[in-house]
Amino acid sequence: VYLAECSSKADEYSRDESDGYFSGCFAMLLCRVVLGEAQVLQEADYDADSRVGPACDFDATVGDREAAVNTYREFVVPCQDQVYPEYAILYERLFKTGPRLRGVTLDPAPEEEDDEEEVSDLAP
């Protein structure tokens, strides 16, 4: 089971079901995880899984990318029994440039210009 400690990392894996009941919403789980004795890695190790499990030296793997390249810490546990999903979170993504739907950015509404002549014609 793959997990991350930052919601922004989890958001990278979240997908919208565009034609479903929760169209426009994304989801993630907030979980409690028992790591036990964890091997901590700061670079790729393609044999890391061989050292994790019931009859192995480690109970989990921590990819400490935060220390290595200042990004995220990632966690891998071999058994789903080590993970307790405590909350299901549904959310919408908000962007500074305006709403985005299905990968298309909508331009924000143009600001209305003040028409000073029209305003002055209404003044007594």
Protein backbone atom coordinates (compact mmCIF):
# COMPACT_ATOMS: atom_id res chain seq x y z
CA VAL A 1 0.00 0.00 0.00
CA TYR A 2 1.46 3.37 -1.06
CA LEU A 3 0.86 6.47 1.11
CA ALA A 4 2.10 10.05 1.37
CA GLU A 5 2.08 12.47 4.28
CA CYS A 6 1.13 15.55 2.22
CA SER A 7 -2.34 16.02 0.79
CA SER A 8 -0.85 17.78 -2.25
CA LYS A 9 1.04 14.58 -3.11
CA ALA A 10 -2.12 12.48 -2.68
CA ASP A 11 -3.95 14.96 -4.90
CA GLU A 12 -1.55 14.13 -7.76
CA TYR A 13 -3.09 10.62 -7.81
CA SER A 14 -6.73 11.65 -7.33
CA ARG A 15 -8.98 11.49 -10.40
CA ASP A 16 -12.39 12.97 -11.17
CA GLU A 17 -15.15 10.64 -12.33
CA SER A 18 -16.55 13.17 -14.80
CA ASP A 19 -19.85 11.38 -15.48
CA GLY A 20 -20.48 10.03 -11.97
CA TYR A 21 -22.55 11.24 -9.04
CA PHE A 22 -19.60 13.20 -7.60
CA SER A 23 -18.61 14.86 -10.88
CA GLY A 24 -16.14 17.67 -10.22
CA CYS A 25 -15.11 16.19 -6.86
CA PHE A 26 -11.91 14.42 -5.94
CA ALA A 27 -11.28 12.06 -3.05
CA MET A 28 -8.52 10.92 -0.74
CA LEU A 29 -8.29 8.91 2.46
CA LEU A 30 -6.75 10.20 5.66
CA CYS A 31 -5.24 7.10 7.27
CA ARG A 32 -3.47 5.98 10.40
CA VAL A 33 -0.57 3.73 9.47
CA VAL A 34 1.53 1.39 11.57
CA LEU A 35 5.04 1.52 10.10
CA GLY A 36 6.82 -0.61 12.70
CA GLU A 37 10.53 -0.95 11.93
CA ALA A 38 10.95 1.08 8.74
CA GLN A 39 13.83 1.21 6.30
CA VAL A 40 14.44 4.83 5.29
CA LEU A 41 15.67 5.45 1.75
CA GLN A 42 16.84 8.71 0.18
CA GLU A 43 17.43 7.31 -3.29
CA ALA A 44 15.89 4.63 -5.50
CA ASP A 45 16.45 1.06 -4.33
CA TYR A 46 14.73 -1.47 -6.58
CA ASP A 47 15.38 -4.29 -4.09
CA ALA A 48 13.80 -2.48 -1.12
CA ASP A 49 10.65 -4.63 -1.22
CA SER A 50 12.71 -7.79 -0.66
CA ARG A 51 13.62 -6.53 2.84
CA VAL A 52 10.02 -5.74 3.92
CA GLY A 53 7.39 -8.15 5.20
CA PRO A 54 6.51 -10.63 7.96
CA ALA A 55 9.71 -12.69 7.76
CA CYS A 56 12.01 -9.77 6.89
CA ASP A 57 14.06 -7.14 8.71
CA PHE A 58 11.60 -4.28 8.07
CA ASP A 59 7.84 -3.69 8.34
CA ALA A 60 7.70 -0.68 5.99
CA THR A 61 9.68 1.52 3.64
CA VAL A 62 9.96 5.30 3.93
CA GLY A 63 11.09 7.14 0.82
CA ASP A 64 12.44 10.30 2.40
CA ARG A 65 12.34 12.50 -0.68
CA GLU A 66 11.90 15.49 1.64
CA ALA A 67 15.47 15.07 2.93
CA ALA A 68 16.84 14.01 -0.46
CA VAL A 69 15.33 16.60 -2.83
CA ASN A 70 13.00 18.70 -0.64
CA THR A 71 9.74 17.20 -1.93
CA TYR A 72 7.57 14.61 -0.13
CA ARG A 73 7.97 11.68 2.21
CA GLU A 74 6.33 8.54 0.85
CA PHE A 75 5.47 5.35 2.70
CA VAL A 76 4.98 1.78 1.52
CA VAL A 77 3.61 -0.98 3.73
CA PRO A 78 3.23 -4.57 2.49
CA CYS A 79 0.02 -5.40 4.34
CA GLN A 80 -3.29 -3.54 4.21
CA ASP A 81 -3.80 -4.51 7.87
CA GLN A 82 -1.19 -1.82 8.70
CA VAL A 83 -3.52 0.88 7.34
CA TYR A 84 -6.64 2.24 9.07
CA PRO A 85 -8.60 4.62 6.80
CA GLU A 86 -9.98 7.10 9.33
CA TYR A 87 -11.57 9.72 7.06
CA ALA A 88 -12.76 9.86 3.46
CA ILE A 89 -12.27 13.39 2.15
CA LEU A 90 -14.18 14.72 -0.87
CA TYR A 91 -13.01 18.04 -2.28
CA GLU A 92 -13.05 20.34 -5.29
CA ARG A 93 -9.90 21.80 -6.75
CA LEU A 94 -9.76 25.60 -6.80
CA PHE A 95 -7.30 27.46 -8.99
CA LYS A 96 -6.12 31.05 -8.75
CA THR A 97 -6.84 31.66 -12.44
CA GLY A 98 -10.47 30.58 -12.14
CA PRO A 99 -12.28 27.27 -12.26
CA ARG A 100 -10.96 24.42 -14.39
CA LEU A 101 -13.24 21.77 -15.76
CA ARG A 102 -11.88 18.56 -17.27
CA GLY A 103 -8.49 20.14 -18.02
CA VAL A 104 -9.88 23.34 -19.57
CA THR A 105 -9.17 26.66 -17.87
CA LEU A 106 -12.04 29.12 -17.98
CA ASP A 107 -11.08 32.78 -18.28
CA PRO A 108 -12.38 34.86 -15.39
CA ALA A 109 -15.20 37.27 -16.24
CA PRO A 110 -13.82 40.56 -17.59
CA GLU A 111 -13.96 43.45 -15.17
CA GLU A 112 -16.63 46.00 -15.95
CA GLU A 113 -15.31 49.37 -16.99
CA ASP A 114 -16.63 52.47 -15.29
CA ASP A 115 -18.42 54.66 -17.78
CA GLU A 116 -17.90 58.09 -16.23
CA GLU A 117 -20.01 59.88 -18.86
CA GLU A 118 -23.01 57.66 -18.19
CA VAL A 119 -22.65 58.16 -14.44
CA SER A 120 -22.31 61.94 -14.76
CA ASP A 121 -25.47 62.10 -16.93
CA LEU A 122 -27.42 60.58 -14.04
CA ALA A 123 -26.12 63.08 -11.49
CA PRO A 124 -28.56 65.97 -10.62
